[in-house]
Amino acid sequence: MDNEINYEDLLISALITIAPNKIVFHTNLQDQPETTMETIKSVFAGRVSECSGCTLCKNQQQ
């Protein structure tokens, strides 16, 4: 068993701990590991969406 905790595990653990009503990803979902996104969408069914281009996202692209 790998003793190393990776970013994806930490992200999912944090989201489960705070149990948000809504999760909005302000990054390109294509840049995220598919298994991580599938897990988050499964755990938080109906509460996950992708930003369609807010000021925050536009500033990150520059």
PDB file of N, CA and C in Angstrom:
ATOM      1  N   MET A   1       0.843  -1.185   0.000  1.00  0.00           N
ATOM      2  CA  MET A   1       0.000   0.000   0.000  1.00  0.00           C
ATOM      3  C   MET A   1       0.882   1.240   0.000  1.00  0.00           C
ATOM      4  N   ASP A   2       0.532   2.180  -0.808  1.00  0.00           N
ATOM      5  CA  ASP A   2       1.298   3.403  -0.929  1.00  0.00           C
ATOM      6  C   ASP A   2       0.958   4.328   0.234  1.00  0.00           C
ATOM      7  N   ASN A   3       1.960   4.753   0.980  1.00  0.00           N
ATOM      8  CA  ASN A   3       1.751   5.628   2.131  1.00  0.00           C
ATOM      9  C   ASN A   3       1.632   7.094   1.750  1.00  0.00           C
ATOM     10  N   GLU A   4       1.873   7.420   0.510  1.00  0.00           N
ATOM     11  CA  GLU A   4       1.849   8.798   0.056  1.00  0.00           C
ATOM     12  C   GLU A   4       0.411   9.251  -0.181  1.00  0.00           C
ATOM     13  N   ILE A   5       0.063  10.415   0.364  1.00  0.00           N
ATOM     14  CA  ILE A   5      -1.253  11.006   0.128  1.00  0.00           C
ATOM     15  C   ILE A   5      -1.105  11.950  -1.053  1.00  0.00           C
ATOM     16  N   ASN A   6      -1.968  11.803  -2.038  1.00  0.00           N
ATOM     17  CA  ASN A   6      -1.843  12.668  -3.204  1.00  0.00           C
ATOM     18  C   ASN A   6      -2.889  13.782  -3.193  1.00  0.00           C
ATOM     19  N   TYR A   7      -2.717  14.726  -4.082  1.00  0.00           N
ATOM     20  CA  TYR A   7      -3.572  15.904  -4.182  1.00  0.00           C
ATOM     21  C   TYR A   7      -5.042  15.525  -4.340  1.00  0.00           C
ATOM     22  N   GLU A   8      -5.335  14.566  -5.191  1.00  0.00           N
ATOM     23  CA  GLU A   8      -6.719  14.178  -5.450  1.00  0.00           C
ATOM     24  C   GLU A   8      -7.389  13.634  -4.197  1.00  0.00           C
ATOM     25  N   ASP A   9      -6.676  12.815  -3.433  1.00  0.00           N
ATOM     26  CA  ASP A   9      -7.217  12.277  -2.181  1.00  0.00           C
ATOM     27  C   ASP A   9      -7.515  13.404  -1.192  1.00  0.00           C
ATOM     28  N   LEU A  10      -6.604  14.363  -1.095  1.00  0.00           N
ATOM     29  CA  LEU A  10      -6.802  15.496  -0.189  1.00  0.00           C
ATOM     30  C   LEU A  10      -7.999  16.342  -0.608  1.00  0.00           C
ATOM     31  N   LEU A  11      -8.139  16.571  -1.895  1.00  0.00           N
ATOM     32  CA  LEU A  11      -9.262  17.355  -2.403  1.00  0.00           C
ATOM     33  C   LEU A  11     -10.585  16.694  -2.072  1.00  0.00           C
ATOM     34  N   ILE A  12     -10.698  15.416  -2.360  1.00  0.00           N
ATOM     35  CA  ILE A  12     -11.948  14.698  -2.099  1.00  0.00           C
ATOM     36  C   ILE A  12     -12.237  14.640  -0.600  1.00  0.00           C
ATOM     37  N   SER A  13     -11.231  14.405   0.206  1.00  0.00           N
ATOM     38  CA  SER A  13     -11.412  14.381   1.664  1.00  0.00           C
ATOM     39  C   SER A  13     -11.893  15.726   2.186  1.00  0.00           C
ATOM     40  N   ALA A  14     -11.296  16.798   1.692  1.00  0.00           N
ATOM     41  CA  ALA A  14     -11.698  18.136   2.136  1.00  0.00           C
ATOM     42  C   ALA A  14     -13.139  18.432   1.739  1.00  0.00           C
ATOM     43  N   LEU A  15     -13.512  18.079   0.528  1.00  0.00           N
ATOM     44  CA  LEU A  15     -14.884  18.324   0.081  1.00  0.00           C
ATOM     45  C   LEU A  15     -15.892  17.523   0.903  1.00  0.00           C
ATOM     46  N   ILE A  16     -15.569  16.291   1.204  1.00  0.00           N
ATOM     47  CA  ILE A  16     -16.466  15.471   2.022  1.00  0.00           C
ATOM     48  C   ILE A  16     -16.581  16.047   3.424  1.00  0.00           C
ATOM     49  N   THR A  17     -15.480  16.524   3.973  1.00  0.00           N
ATOM     50  CA  THR A  17     -15.476  17.092   5.324  1.00  0.00           C
ATOM     51  C   THR A  17     -16.363  18.326   5.432  1.00  0.00           C
ATOM     52  N   ILE A  18     -16.281  19.227   4.442  1.00  0.00           N
ATOM     53  CA  ILE A  18     -17.071  20.453   4.527  1.00  0.00           C
ATOM     54  C   ILE A  18     -18.473  20.287   3.940  1.00  0.00           C
ATOM     55  N   ALA A  19     -18.713  19.222   3.215  1.00  0.00           N
ATOM     56  CA  ALA A  19     -20.022  18.882   2.639  1.00  0.00           C
ATOM     57  C   ALA A  19     -20.745  20.085   2.026  1.00  0.00           C
ATOM     58  N   PRO A  20     -20.178  20.662   0.982  1.00  0.00           N
ATOM     59  CA  PRO A  20     -20.796  21.848   0.374  1.00  0.00           C
ATOM     60  C   PRO A  20     -22.102  21.516  -0.343  1.00  0.00           C
ATOM     61  N   ASN A  21     -22.980  22.521  -0.418  1.00  0.00           N
ATOM     62  CA  ASN A  21     -24.241  22.371  -1.147  1.00  0.00           C
ATOM     63  C   ASN A  21     -24.016  22.486  -2.644  1.00  0.00           C
ATOM     64  N   LYS A  22     -22.953  23.191  -3.019  1.00  0.00           N
ATOM     65  CA  LYS A  22     -22.675  23.426  -4.434  1.00  0.00           C
ATOM     66  C   LYS A  22     -21.166  23.507  -4.629  1.00  0.00           C
ATOM     67  N   ILE A  23     -20.664  22.887  -5.684  1.00  0.00           N
ATOM     68  CA  ILE A  23     -19.244  22.932  -6.027  1.00  0.00           C
ATOM     69  C   ILE A  23     -19.132  23.469  -7.444  1.00  0.00           C
ATOM     70  N   VAL A  24     -18.391  24.559  -7.600  1.00  0.00           N
ATOM     71  CA  VAL A  24     -18.164  25.140  -8.922  1.00  0.00           C
ATOM     72  C   VAL A  24     -16.673  25.099  -9.192  1.00  0.00           C
ATOM     73  N   PHE A  25     -16.290  24.423 -10.257  1.00  0.00           N
ATOM     74  CA  PHE A  25     -14.887  24.365 -10.644  1.00  0.00           C
ATOM     75  C   PHE A  25     -14.577  25.544 -11.556  1.00  0.00           C
ATOM     76  N   HIS A  26     -13.607  26.332 -11.134  1.00  0.00           N
ATOM     77  CA  HIS A  26     -13.211  27.520 -11.891  1.00  0.00           C
ATOM     78  C   HIS A  26     -11.958  27.245 -12.702  1.00  0.00           C
ATOM     79  N   THR A  27     -11.857  26.059 -13.222  1.00  0.00           N
ATOM     80  CA  THR A  27     -10.759  25.684 -14.109  1.00  0.00           C
ATOM     81  C   THR A  27     -11.339  24.845 -15.226  1.00  0.00           C
ATOM     82  N   ASN A  28     -10.545  24.598 -16.202  1.00  0.00           N
ATOM     83  CA  ASN A  28     -10.956  23.750 -17.310  1.00  0.00           C
ATOM     84  C   ASN A  28     -11.009  22.306 -16.825  1.00  0.00           C
ATOM     85  N   LEU A  29     -12.170  21.686 -16.882  1.00  0.00           N
ATOM     86  CA  LEU A  29     -12.307  20.311 -16.403  1.00  0.00           C
ATOM     87  C   LEU A  29     -11.449  19.333 -17.204  1.00  0.00           C
ATOM     88  N   GLN A  30     -11.062  19.707 -18.411  1.00  0.00           N
ATOM     89  CA  GLN A  30     -10.202  18.836 -19.209  1.00  0.00           C
ATOM     90  C   GLN A  30      -8.810  18.730 -18.594  1.00  0.00           C
ATOM     91  N   ASP A  31      -8.439  19.708 -17.768  1.00  0.00           N
ATOM     92  CA  ASP A  31      -7.130  19.689 -17.120  1.00  0.00           C
ATOM     93  C   ASP A  31      -7.114  18.828 -15.858  1.00  0.00           C
ATOM     94  N   GLN A  32      -8.277  18.369 -15.415  1.00  0.00           N
ATOM     95  CA  GLN A  32      -8.389  17.586 -14.187  1.00  0.00           C
ATOM     96  C   GLN A  32      -8.359  16.089 -14.518  1.00  0.00           C
ATOM     97  N   PRO A  33      -7.793  15.290 -13.635  1.00  0.00           N
ATOM     98  CA  PRO A  33      -7.834  13.835 -13.842  1.00  0.00           C
ATOM     99  C   PRO A  33      -9.278  13.345 -13.884  1.00  0.00           C
ATOM    100  N   GLU A  34      -9.610  12.563 -14.881  1.00  0.00           N
ATOM    101  CA  GLU A  34     -10.986  12.116 -15.095  1.00  0.00           C
ATOM    102  C   GLU A  34     -11.541  11.337 -13.903  1.00  0.00           C
ATOM    103  N   THR A  35     -10.733  10.485 -13.299  1.00  0.00           N
ATOM    104  CA  THR A  35     -11.230   9.691 -12.168  1.00  0.00           C
ATOM    105  C   THR A  35     -11.581  10.583 -10.989  1.00  0.00           C
ATOM    106  N   THR A  36     -10.825  11.636 -10.762  1.00  0.00           N
ATOM    107  CA  THR A  36     -11.123  12.562  -9.672  1.00  0.00           C
ATOM    108  C   THR A  36     -12.460  13.246  -9.916  1.00  0.00           C
ATOM    109  N   MET A  37     -12.666  13.740 -11.117  1.00  0.00           N
ATOM    110  CA  MET A  37     -13.914  14.419 -11.434  1.00  0.00           C
ATOM    111  C   MET A  37     -15.100  13.468 -11.346  1.00  0.00           C
ATOM    112  N   GLU A  38     -14.941  12.257 -11.814  1.00  0.00           N
ATOM    113  CA  GLU A  38     -16.022  11.276 -11.730  1.00  0.00           C
ATOM    114  C   GLU A  38     -16.381  10.996 -10.277  1.00  0.00           C
ATOM    115  N   THR A  39     -15.375  10.868  -9.424  1.00  0.00           N
ATOM    116  CA  THR A  39     -15.615  10.609  -8.003  1.00  0.00           C
ATOM    117  C   THR A  39     -16.346  11.774  -7.371  1.00  0.00           C
ATOM    118  N   ILE A  40     -15.886  12.991  -7.617  1.00  0.00           N
ATOM    119  CA  ILE A  40     -16.530  14.171  -7.035  1.00  0.00           C
ATOM    120  C   ILE A  40     -17.964  14.293  -7.528  1.00  0.00           C
ATOM    121  N   LYS A  41     -18.192  14.098  -8.812  1.00  0.00           N
ATOM    122  CA  LYS A  41     -19.546  14.174  -9.360  1.00  0.00           C
ATOM    123  C   LYS A  41     -20.438  13.083  -8.776  1.00  0.00           C
ATOM    124  N   SER A  42     -19.874  11.924  -8.523  1.00  0.00           N
ATOM    125  CA  SER A  42     -20.643  10.821  -7.942  1.00  0.00           C
ATOM    126  C   SER A  42     -21.012  11.104  -6.486  1.00  0.00           C
ATOM    127  N   VAL A  43     -20.049  11.564  -5.708  1.00  0.00           N
ATOM    128  CA  VAL A  43     -20.288  11.836  -4.285  1.00  0.00           C
ATOM    129  C   VAL A  43     -21.242  13.019  -4.107  1.00  0.00           C
ATOM    130  N   PHE A  44     -21.085  14.040  -4.935  1.00  0.00           N
ATOM    131  CA  PHE A  44     -21.886  15.254  -4.821  1.00  0.00           C
ATOM    132  C   PHE A  44     -22.850  15.373  -6.000  1.00  0.00           C
ATOM    133  N   ALA A  45     -23.595  14.323  -6.255  1.00  0.00           N
ATOM    134  CA  ALA A  45     -24.506  14.252  -7.398  1.00  0.00           C
ATOM    135  C   ALA A  45     -25.423  15.471  -7.463  1.00  0.00           C
ATOM    136  N   GLY A  46     -25.437  16.108  -8.623  1.00  0.00           N
ATOM    137  CA  GLY A  46     -26.295  17.258  -8.846  1.00  0.00           C
ATOM    138  C   GLY A  46     -25.791  18.560  -8.251  1.00  0.00           C
ATOM    139  N   ARG A  47     -24.647  18.543  -7.594  1.00  0.00           N
ATOM    140  CA  ARG A  47     -24.134  19.754  -6.950  1.00  0.00           C
ATOM    141  C   ARG A  47     -22.832  20.251  -7.573  1.00  0.00           C
ATOM    142  N   VAL A  48     -22.366  19.618  -8.640  1.00  0.00           N
ATOM    143  CA  VAL A  48     -21.089  19.980  -9.262  1.00  0.00           C
ATOM    144  C   VAL A  48     -21.351  20.638 -10.609  1.00  0.00           C
ATOM    145  N   SER A  49     -20.693  21.780 -10.812  1.00  0.00           N
ATOM    146  CA  SER A  49     -20.798  22.448 -12.106  1.00  0.00           C
ATOM    147  C   SER A  49     -19.459  23.072 -12.458  1.00  0.00           C
ATOM    148  N   GLU A  50     -19.354  23.482 -13.704  1.00  0.00           N
ATOM    149  CA  GLU A  50     -18.134  24.130 -14.197  1.00  0.00           C
ATOM    150  C   GLU A  50     -18.456  25.582 -14.509  1.00  0.00           C
ATOM    151  N   CYS A  51     -17.592  26.479 -14.104  1.00  0.00           N
ATOM    152  CA  CYS A  51     -17.764  27.896 -14.380  1.00  0.00           C
ATOM    153  C   CYS A  51     -17.780  28.112 -15.896  1.00  0.00           C
ATOM    154  N   SER A  52     -18.649  29.007 -16.326  1.00  0.00           N
ATOM    155  CA  SER A  52     -18.750  29.261 -17.767  1.00  0.00           C
ATOM    156  C   SER A  52     -17.954  30.485 -18.205  1.00  0.00           C
ATOM    157  N   GLY A  53     -17.103  30.995 -17.331  1.00  0.00           N
ATOM    158  CA  GLY A  53     -16.226  32.098 -17.739  1.00  0.00           C
ATOM    159  C   GLY A  53     -16.387  33.361 -16.923  1.00  0.00           C
ATOM    160  N   CYS A  54     -16.226  33.269 -15.630  1.00  0.00           N
ATOM    161  CA  CYS A  54     -16.309  34.451 -14.767  1.00  0.00           C
ATOM    162  C   CYS A  54     -15.001  35.244 -14.839  1.00  0.00           C
ATOM    163  N   THR A  55     -14.967  36.374 -14.163  1.00  0.00           N
ATOM    164  CA  THR A  55     -13.787  37.232 -14.133  1.00  0.00           C
ATOM    165  C   THR A  55     -12.591  36.489 -13.544  1.00  0.00           C
ATOM    166  N   LEU A  56     -12.805  35.702 -12.504  1.00  0.00           N
ATOM    167  CA  LEU A  56     -11.738  34.938 -11.888  1.00  0.00           C
ATOM    168  C   LEU A  56     -11.060  34.016 -12.898  1.00  0.00           C
ATOM    169  N   CYS A  57     -11.843  33.295 -13.661  1.00  0.00           N
ATOM    170  CA  CYS A  57     -11.289  32.363 -14.657  1.00  0.00           C
ATOM    171  C   CYS A  57     -10.568  33.098 -15.780  1.00  0.00           C
ATOM    172  N   LYS A  58     -11.139  34.198 -16.208  1.00  0.00           N
ATOM    173  CA  LYS A  58     -10.502  34.970 -17.278  1.00  0.00           C
ATOM    174  C   LYS A  58      -9.163  35.523 -16.832  1.00  0.00           C
ATOM    175  N   ASN A  59      -9.061  35.933 -15.556  1.00  0.00           N
ATOM    176  CA  ASN A  59      -7.785  36.434 -15.031  1.00  0.00           C
ATOM    177  C   ASN A  59      -6.748  35.318 -14.933  1.00  0.00           C
ATOM    178  N   GLN A  60      -7.157  34.081 -14.639  1.00  0.00           N
ATOM    179  CA  GLN A  60      -6.243  32.953 -14.547  1.00  0.00           C
ATOM    180  C   GLN A  60      -5.650  32.583 -15.895  1.00  0.00           C
ATOM    181  N   GLN A  61      -6.388  32.831 -16.965  1.00  0.00           N
ATOM    182  CA  GLN A  61      -5.918  32.474 -18.308  1.00  0.00           C
ATOM    183  C   GLN A  61      -4.871  33.434 -18.821  1.00  0.00           C
ATOM    184  N   GLN A  62      -4.784  34.613 -18.230  1.00  0.00           N
ATOM    185  CA  GLN A  62      -3.842  35.619 -18.721  1.00  0.00           C
ATOM    186  C   GLN A  62      -2.461  35.403 -18.192  1.00  0.00           C
TER     187      GLN A  62
END
